[in-house]
Amino acid sequence: MQAWYADVKKAKCESPTDIKNVYSNASIITNNRIVFNIKGNKYRLVVAINYEHSIVYIRFIGSHKEYDLVDVSTI
């Protein structure tokens, strides 16, 4: 998580396309949500991004099993 945080903090992503260019394994979801696989897909991190203001909101962190129980587009 610390490595992801440091990486995202310095990244300049202005659109979902920019996210995919930097993080090819990220999944783009509705409502500006992005899903990242953490630690070899053992964990999932869901964020909401305000591209206009370059703000990343962490919406969910959990195991792959826990991730399967949430509605990513609304959390």
PDB file of N, CA and C in Angstrom:
ATOM      1  N   MET A   1       0.823  -1.194   0.000  1.00  0.00           N
ATOM      2  CA  MET A   1       0.000   0.000   0.000  1.00  0.00           C
ATOM      3  C   MET A   1       0.865   1.255   0.000  1.00  0.00           C
ATOM      4  N   GLN A   2       1.954   1.231   0.746  1.00  0.00           N
ATOM      5  CA  GLN A   2       2.822   2.407   0.786  1.00  0.00           C
ATOM      6  C   GLN A   2       3.425   2.683  -0.581  1.00  0.00           C
ATOM      7  N   ALA A   3       3.819   1.636  -1.278  1.00  0.00           N
ATOM      8  CA  ALA A   3       4.389   1.812  -2.620  1.00  0.00           C
ATOM      9  C   ALA A   3       3.334   2.355  -3.571  1.00  0.00           C
ATOM     10  N   TRP A   4       2.107   1.829  -3.484  1.00  0.00           N
ATOM     11  CA  TRP A   4       1.017   2.318  -4.334  1.00  0.00           C
ATOM     12  C   TRP A   4       0.752   3.794  -4.044  1.00  0.00           C
ATOM     13  N   TYR A   5       0.675   4.150  -2.772  1.00  0.00           N
ATOM     14  CA  TYR A   5       0.415   5.527  -2.378  1.00  0.00           C
ATOM     15  C   TYR A   5       1.485   6.470  -2.924  1.00  0.00           C
ATOM     16  N   ALA A   6       2.738   6.109  -2.762  1.00  0.00           N
ATOM     17  CA  ALA A   6       3.837   6.954  -3.250  1.00  0.00           C
ATOM     18  C   ALA A   6       3.766   7.105  -4.765  1.00  0.00           C
ATOM     19  N   ASP A   7       3.437   6.040  -5.449  1.00  0.00           N
ATOM     20  CA  ASP A   7       3.341   6.057  -6.905  1.00  0.00           C
ATOM     21  C   ASP A   7       2.189   6.939  -7.375  1.00  0.00           C
ATOM     22  N   VAL A   8       1.029   6.782  -6.756  1.00  0.00           N
ATOM     23  CA  VAL A   8      -0.148   7.566  -7.143  1.00  0.00           C
ATOM     24  C   VAL A   8       0.048   9.039  -6.819  1.00  0.00           C
ATOM     25  N   LYS A   9       0.716   9.315  -5.732  1.00  0.00           N
ATOM     26  CA  LYS A   9       0.936  10.706  -5.321  1.00  0.00           C
ATOM     27  C   LYS A   9       1.722  11.495  -6.367  1.00  0.00           C
ATOM     28  N   LYS A  10       2.654  10.844  -7.044  1.00  0.00           N
ATOM     29  CA  LYS A  10       3.459  11.554  -8.043  1.00  0.00           C
ATOM     30  C   LYS A  10       2.910  11.421  -9.462  1.00  0.00           C
ATOM     31  N   ALA A  11       1.934  10.540  -9.668  1.00  0.00           N
ATOM     32  CA  ALA A  11       1.371  10.334 -11.012  1.00  0.00           C
ATOM     33  C   ALA A  11       0.519  11.536 -11.418  1.00  0.00           C
ATOM     34  N   LYS A  12       0.503  11.812 -12.702  1.00  0.00           N
ATOM     35  CA  LYS A  12      -0.310  12.892 -13.260  1.00  0.00           C
ATOM     36  C   LYS A  12      -1.332  12.277 -14.207  1.00  0.00           C
ATOM     37  N   CYS A  13      -2.427  11.821 -13.644  1.00  0.00           N
ATOM     38  CA  CYS A  13      -3.467  11.173 -14.441  1.00  0.00           C
ATOM     39  C   CYS A  13      -4.682  12.087 -14.515  1.00  0.00           C
ATOM     40  N   GLU A  14      -5.043  12.452 -15.735  1.00  0.00           N
ATOM     41  CA  GLU A  14      -6.162  13.363 -15.937  1.00  0.00           C
ATOM     42  C   GLU A  14      -7.393  12.678 -16.511  1.00  0.00           C
ATOM     43  N   SER A  15      -7.310  11.370 -16.732  1.00  0.00           N
ATOM     44  CA  SER A  15      -8.434  10.639 -17.313  1.00  0.00           C
ATOM     45  C   SER A  15      -8.259   9.147 -17.054  1.00  0.00           C
ATOM     46  N   PRO A  16      -9.322   8.375 -17.240  1.00  0.00           N
ATOM     47  CA  PRO A  16      -9.188   6.918 -17.109  1.00  0.00           C
ATOM     48  C   PRO A  16      -8.152   6.337 -18.074  1.00  0.00           C
ATOM     49  N   THR A  17      -8.021   6.923 -19.237  1.00  0.00           N
ATOM     50  CA  THR A  17      -7.017   6.456 -20.199  1.00  0.00           C
ATOM     51  C   THR A  17      -5.618   6.611 -19.625  1.00  0.00           C
ATOM     52  N   ASP A  18      -5.359   7.721 -18.956  1.00  0.00           N
ATOM     53  CA  ASP A  18      -4.054   7.928 -18.316  1.00  0.00           C
ATOM     54  C   ASP A  18      -3.801   6.869 -17.247  1.00  0.00           C
ATOM     55  N   ILE A  19      -4.837   6.522 -16.493  1.00  0.00           N
ATOM     56  CA  ILE A  19      -4.701   5.482 -15.466  1.00  0.00           C
ATOM     57  C   ILE A  19      -4.290   4.167 -16.117  1.00  0.00           C
ATOM     58  N   LYS A  20      -4.977   3.784 -17.197  1.00  0.00           N
ATOM     59  CA  LYS A  20      -4.668   2.526 -17.879  1.00  0.00           C
ATOM     60  C   LYS A  20      -3.267   2.534 -18.470  1.00  0.00           C
ATOM     61  N   ASN A  21      -2.801   3.697 -18.920  1.00  0.00           N
ATOM     62  CA  ASN A  21      -1.444   3.787 -19.463  1.00  0.00           C
ATOM     63  C   ASN A  21      -0.387   3.547 -18.385  1.00  0.00           C
ATOM     64  N   VAL A  22      -0.674   3.956 -17.171  1.00  0.00           N
ATOM     65  CA  VAL A  22       0.272   3.789 -16.064  1.00  0.00           C
ATOM     66  C   VAL A  22       0.075   2.442 -15.364  1.00  0.00           C
ATOM     67  N   TYR A  23      -1.179   2.055 -15.166  1.00  0.00           N
ATOM     68  CA  TYR A  23      -1.532   0.825 -14.442  1.00  0.00           C
ATOM     69  C   TYR A  23      -2.360  -0.069 -15.364  1.00  0.00           C
ATOM     70  N   SER A  24      -1.706  -0.808 -16.205  1.00  0.00           N
ATOM     71  CA  SER A  24      -2.416  -1.594 -17.221  1.00  0.00           C
ATOM     72  C   SER A  24      -3.349  -2.647 -16.625  1.00  0.00           C
ATOM     73  N   ASN A  25      -3.091  -3.091 -15.407  1.00  0.00           N
ATOM     74  CA  ASN A  25      -3.953  -4.095 -14.774  1.00  0.00           C
ATOM     75  C   ASN A  25      -5.127  -3.490 -14.012  1.00  0.00           C
ATOM     76  N   ALA A  26      -5.202  -2.177 -13.941  1.00  0.00           N
ATOM     77  CA  ALA A  26      -6.313  -1.532 -13.246  1.00  0.00           C
ATOM     78  C   ALA A  26      -7.593  -1.724 -14.057  1.00  0.00           C
ATOM     79  N   SER A  27      -8.710  -1.818 -13.343  1.00  0.00           N
ATOM     80  CA  SER A  27     -10.013  -1.943 -14.000  1.00  0.00           C
ATOM     81  C   SER A  27     -10.770  -0.636 -13.841  1.00  0.00           C
ATOM     82  N   ILE A  28     -11.233  -0.098 -14.952  1.00  0.00           N
ATOM     83  CA  ILE A  28     -12.008   1.137 -14.944  1.00  0.00           C
ATOM     84  C   ILE A  28     -13.477   0.759 -14.768  1.00  0.00           C
ATOM     85  N   ILE A  29     -14.116   1.334 -13.750  1.00  0.00           N
ATOM     86  CA  ILE A  29     -15.510   1.044 -13.422  1.00  0.00           C
ATOM     87  C   ILE A  29     -16.302   2.347 -13.544  1.00  0.00           C
ATOM     88  N   THR A  30     -17.628   2.260 -13.539  1.00  0.00           N
ATOM     89  CA  THR A  30     -18.457   3.462 -13.606  1.00  0.00           C
ATOM     90  C   THR A  30     -18.237   4.362 -12.395  1.00  0.00           C
ATOM     91  N   ASN A  31     -18.744   5.595 -12.479  1.00  0.00           N
ATOM     92  CA  ASN A  31     -18.642   6.587 -11.398  1.00  0.00           C
ATOM     93  C   ASN A  31     -17.202   6.918 -11.028  1.00  0.00           C
ATOM     94  N   ASN A  32     -16.327   6.954 -12.022  1.00  0.00           N
ATOM     95  CA  ASN A  32     -14.915   7.291 -11.807  1.00  0.00           C
ATOM     96  C   ASN A  32     -14.236   6.382 -10.791  1.00  0.00           C
ATOM     97  N   ARG A  33     -14.677   5.143 -10.719  1.00  0.00           N
ATOM     98  CA  ARG A  33     -14.061   4.166  -9.827  1.00  0.00           C
ATOM     99  C   ARG A  33     -12.990   3.383 -10.582  1.00  0.00           C
ATOM    100  N   ILE A  34     -11.909   3.095  -9.880  1.00  0.00           N
ATOM    101  CA  ILE A  34     -10.814   2.291 -10.426  1.00  0.00           C
ATOM    102  C   ILE A  34     -10.535   1.172  -9.428  1.00  0.00           C
ATOM    103  N   VAL A  35     -10.320  -0.034  -9.929  1.00  0.00           N
ATOM    104  CA  VAL A  35      -9.989  -1.177  -9.082  1.00  0.00           C
ATOM    105  C   VAL A  35      -8.544  -1.567  -9.353  1.00  0.00           C
ATOM    106  N   PHE A  36      -7.752  -1.616  -8.289  1.00  0.00           N
ATOM    107  CA  PHE A  36      -6.354  -2.028  -8.373  1.00  0.00           C
ATOM    108  C   PHE A  36      -6.190  -3.378  -7.688  1.00  0.00           C
ATOM    109  N   ASN A  37      -5.403  -4.235  -8.291  1.00  0.00           N
ATOM    110  CA  ASN A  37      -5.032  -5.510  -7.674  1.00  0.00           C
ATOM    111  C   ASN A  37      -3.777  -5.262  -6.844  1.00  0.00           C
ATOM    112  N   ILE A  38      -3.821  -5.677  -5.602  1.00  0.00           N
ATOM    113  CA  ILE A  38      -2.707  -5.459  -4.685  1.00  0.00           C
ATOM    114  C   ILE A  38      -2.147  -6.813  -4.250  1.00  0.00           C
ATOM    115  N   LYS A  39      -0.844  -6.879  -4.167  1.00  0.00           N
ATOM    116  CA  LYS A  39      -0.135  -8.073  -3.696  1.00  0.00           C
ATOM    117  C   LYS A  39      -0.539  -9.310  -4.488  1.00  0.00           C
ATOM    118  N   GLY A  40      -0.315  -9.222  -5.796  1.00  0.00           N
ATOM    119  CA  GLY A  40      -0.583 -10.373  -6.651  1.00  0.00           C
ATOM    120  C   GLY A  40      -2.042 -10.760  -6.718  1.00  0.00           C
ATOM    121  N   ASN A  41      -2.929  -9.783  -6.694  1.00  0.00           N
ATOM    122  CA  ASN A  41      -4.375  -9.992  -6.779  1.00  0.00           C
ATOM    123  C   ASN A  41      -4.962 -10.617  -5.509  1.00  0.00           C
ATOM    124  N   LYS A  42      -4.199 -10.613  -4.427  1.00  0.00           N
ATOM    125  CA  LYS A  42      -4.718 -11.123  -3.153  1.00  0.00           C
ATOM    126  C   LYS A  42      -5.709 -10.136  -2.541  1.00  0.00           C
ATOM    127  N   TYR A  43      -5.457  -8.854  -2.763  1.00  0.00           N
ATOM    128  CA  TYR A  43      -6.318  -7.800  -2.235  1.00  0.00           C
ATOM    129  C   TYR A  43      -6.792  -6.911  -3.373  1.00  0.00           C
ATOM    130  N   ARG A  44      -7.896  -6.226  -3.115  1.00  0.00           N
ATOM    131  CA  ARG A  44      -8.427  -5.265  -4.068  1.00  0.00           C
ATOM    132  C   ARG A  44      -8.528  -3.907  -3.390  1.00  0.00           C
ATOM    133  N   LEU A  45      -8.181  -2.908  -4.147  1.00  0.00           N
ATOM    134  CA  LEU A  45      -8.279  -1.522  -3.702  1.00  0.00           C
ATOM    135  C   LEU A  45      -9.175  -0.803  -4.694  1.00  0.00           C
ATOM    136  N   VAL A  46     -10.238  -0.198  -4.192  1.00  0.00           N
ATOM    137  CA  VAL A  46     -11.157   0.554  -5.043  1.00  0.00           C
ATOM    138  C   VAL A  46     -11.040   2.020  -4.666  1.00  0.00           C
ATOM    139  N   VAL A  47     -10.824   2.847  -5.671  1.00  0.00           N
ATOM    140  CA  VAL A  47     -10.736   4.286  -5.434  1.00  0.00           C
ATOM    141  C   VAL A  47     -11.727   5.012  -6.333  1.00  0.00           C
ATOM    142  N   ALA A  48     -12.118   6.191  -5.899  1.00  0.00           N
ATOM    143  CA  ALA A  48     -12.885   7.117  -6.726  1.00  0.00           C
ATOM    144  C   ALA A  48     -11.954   8.282  -7.006  1.00  0.00           C
ATOM    145  N   ILE A  49     -11.953   8.748  -8.234  1.00  0.00           N
ATOM    146  CA  ILE A  49     -11.022   9.812  -8.606  1.00  0.00           C
ATOM    147  C   ILE A  49     -11.781  11.036  -9.092  1.00  0.00           C
ATOM    148  N   ASN A  50     -11.408  12.182  -8.548  1.00  0.00           N
ATOM    149  CA  ASN A  50     -11.866  13.468  -9.053  1.00  0.00           C
ATOM    150  C   ASN A  50     -10.724  13.984  -9.920  1.00  0.00           C
ATOM    151  N   TYR A  51     -10.828  13.767 -11.221  1.00  0.00           N
ATOM    152  CA  TYR A  51      -9.739  14.114 -12.134  1.00  0.00           C
ATOM    153  C   TYR A  51      -9.503  15.619 -12.200  1.00  0.00           C
ATOM    154  N   GLU A  52     -10.565  16.398 -12.124  1.00  0.00           N
ATOM    155  CA  GLU A  52     -10.442  17.860 -12.222  1.00  0.00           C
ATOM    156  C   GLU A  52      -9.553  18.434 -11.123  1.00  0.00           C
ATOM    157  N   HIS A  53      -9.663  17.883  -9.914  1.00  0.00           N
ATOM    158  CA  HIS A  53      -8.900  18.394  -8.774  1.00  0.00           C
ATOM    159  C   HIS A  53      -7.763  17.467  -8.339  1.00  0.00           C
ATOM    160  N   SER A  54      -7.547  16.399  -9.087  1.00  0.00           N
ATOM    161  CA  SER A  54      -6.473  15.429  -8.788  1.00  0.00           C
ATOM    162  C   SER A  54      -6.571  14.874  -7.366  1.00  0.00           C
ATOM    163  N   ILE A  55      -7.786  14.446  -7.007  1.00  0.00           N
ATOM    164  CA  ILE A  55      -8.022  13.875  -5.685  1.00  0.00           C
ATOM    165  C   ILE A  55      -8.413  12.410  -5.843  1.00  0.00           C
ATOM    166  N   VAL A  56      -7.779  11.556  -5.051  1.00  0.00           N
ATOM    167  CA  VAL A  56      -8.082  10.126  -5.052  1.00  0.00           C
ATOM    168  C   VAL A  56      -8.701   9.777  -3.701  1.00  0.00           C
ATOM    169  N   TYR A  57      -9.902   9.226  -3.738  1.00  0.00           N
ATOM    170  CA  TYR A  57     -10.611   8.811  -2.530  1.00  0.00           C
ATOM    171  C   TYR A  57     -10.579   7.288  -2.433  1.00  0.00           C
ATOM    172  N   ILE A  58     -10.052   6.759  -1.356  1.00  0.00           N
ATOM    173  CA  ILE A  58     -10.075   5.312  -1.156  1.00  0.00           C
ATOM    174  C   ILE A  58     -11.476   4.929  -0.689  1.00  0.00           C
ATOM    175  N   ARG A  59     -12.122   4.041  -1.460  1.00  0.00           N
ATOM    176  CA  ARG A  59     -13.494   3.638  -1.169  1.00  0.00           C
ATOM    177  C   ARG A  59     -13.581   2.247  -0.547  1.00  0.00           C
ATOM    178  N   PHE A  60     -12.585   1.399  -0.834  1.00  0.00           N
ATOM    179  CA  PHE A  60     -12.622   0.030  -0.325  1.00  0.00           C
ATOM    180  C   PHE A  60     -11.232  -0.577  -0.390  1.00  0.00           C
ATOM    181  N   ILE A  61     -10.861  -1.294   0.664  1.00  0.00           N
ATOM    182  CA  ILE A  61      -9.656  -2.129   0.681  1.00  0.00           C
ATOM    183  C   ILE A  61     -10.080  -3.450   1.311  1.00  0.00           C
ATOM    184  N   GLY A  62      -9.817  -4.541   0.629  1.00  0.00           N
ATOM    185  CA  GLY A  62     -10.184  -5.831   1.198  1.00  0.00           C
ATOM    186  C   GLY A  62      -9.664  -6.984   0.372  1.00  0.00           C
ATOM    187  N   SER A  63      -9.935  -8.172   0.866  1.00  0.00           N
ATOM    188  CA  SER A  63      -9.519  -9.373   0.145  1.00  0.00           C
ATOM    189  C   SER A  63     -10.353  -9.520  -1.124  1.00  0.00           C
ATOM    190  N   HIS A  64      -9.900 -10.365  -2.001  1.00  0.00           N
ATOM    191  CA  HIS A  64     -10.639 -10.626  -3.232  1.00  0.00           C
ATOM    192  C   HIS A  64     -12.033 -11.157  -2.887  1.00  0.00           C
ATOM    193  N   LYS A  65     -12.122 -12.008  -1.885  1.00  0.00           N
ATOM    194  CA  LYS A  65     -13.406 -12.571  -1.455  1.00  0.00           C
ATOM    195  C   LYS A  65     -14.346 -11.474  -0.947  1.00  0.00           C
ATOM    196  N   GLU A  66     -13.825 -10.546  -0.146  1.00  0.00           N
ATOM    197  CA  GLU A  66     -14.637  -9.432   0.360  1.00  0.00           C
ATOM    198  C   GLU A  66     -15.076  -8.524  -0.781  1.00  0.00           C
ATOM    199  N   TYR A  67     -14.195  -8.316  -1.729  1.00  0.00           N
ATOM    200  CA  TYR A  67     -14.489  -7.478  -2.893  1.00  0.00           C
ATOM    201  C   TYR A  67     -15.691  -8.018  -3.661  1.00  0.00           C
ATOM    202  N   ASP A  68     -15.790  -9.323  -3.765  1.00  0.00           N
ATOM    203  CA  ASP A  68     -16.897  -9.941  -4.496  1.00  0.00           C
ATOM    204  C   ASP A  68     -18.255  -9.653  -3.864  1.00  0.00           C
ATOM    205  N   LEU A  69     -18.283  -9.187  -2.625  1.00  0.00           N
ATOM    206  CA  LEU A  69     -19.536  -8.924  -1.916  1.00  0.00           C
ATOM    207  C   LEU A  69     -19.996  -7.471  -1.995  1.00  0.00           C
ATOM    208  N   VAL A  70     -19.212  -6.592  -2.592  1.00  0.00           N
ATOM    209  CA  VAL A  70     -19.573  -5.171  -2.634  1.00  0.00           C
ATOM    210  C   VAL A  70     -19.959  -4.747  -4.050  1.00  0.00           C
ATOM    211  N   ASP A  71     -20.748  -3.682  -4.117  1.00  0.00           N
ATOM    212  CA  ASP A  71     -21.087  -3.069  -5.403  1.00  0.00           C
ATOM    213  C   ASP A  71     -20.096  -1.934  -5.625  1.00  0.00           C
ATOM    214  N   VAL A  72     -19.118  -2.191  -6.442  1.00  0.00           N
ATOM    215  CA  VAL A  72     -18.005  -1.256  -6.640  1.00  0.00           C
ATOM    216  C   VAL A  72     -18.474   0.100  -7.156  1.00  0.00           C
ATOM    217  N   SER A  73     -19.520   0.134  -7.951  1.00  0.00           N
ATOM    218  CA  SER A  73     -19.956   1.397  -8.549  1.00  0.00           C
ATOM    219  C   SER A  73     -20.639   2.327  -7.558  1.00  0.00           C
ATOM    220  N   THR A  74     -21.028   1.822  -6.385  1.00  0.00           N
ATOM    221  CA  THR A  74     -21.741   2.677  -5.429  1.00  0.00           C
ATOM    222  C   THR A  74     -21.005   2.907  -4.114  1.00  0.00           C
ATOM    223  N   ILE A  75     -19.945   2.152  -3.851  1.00  0.00           N
ATOM    224  CA  ILE A  75     -19.251   2.351  -2.573  1.00  0.00           C
ATOM    225  C   ILE A  75     -18.426   3.616  -2.612  1.00  0.00           C
TER     226      ILE A  75
END
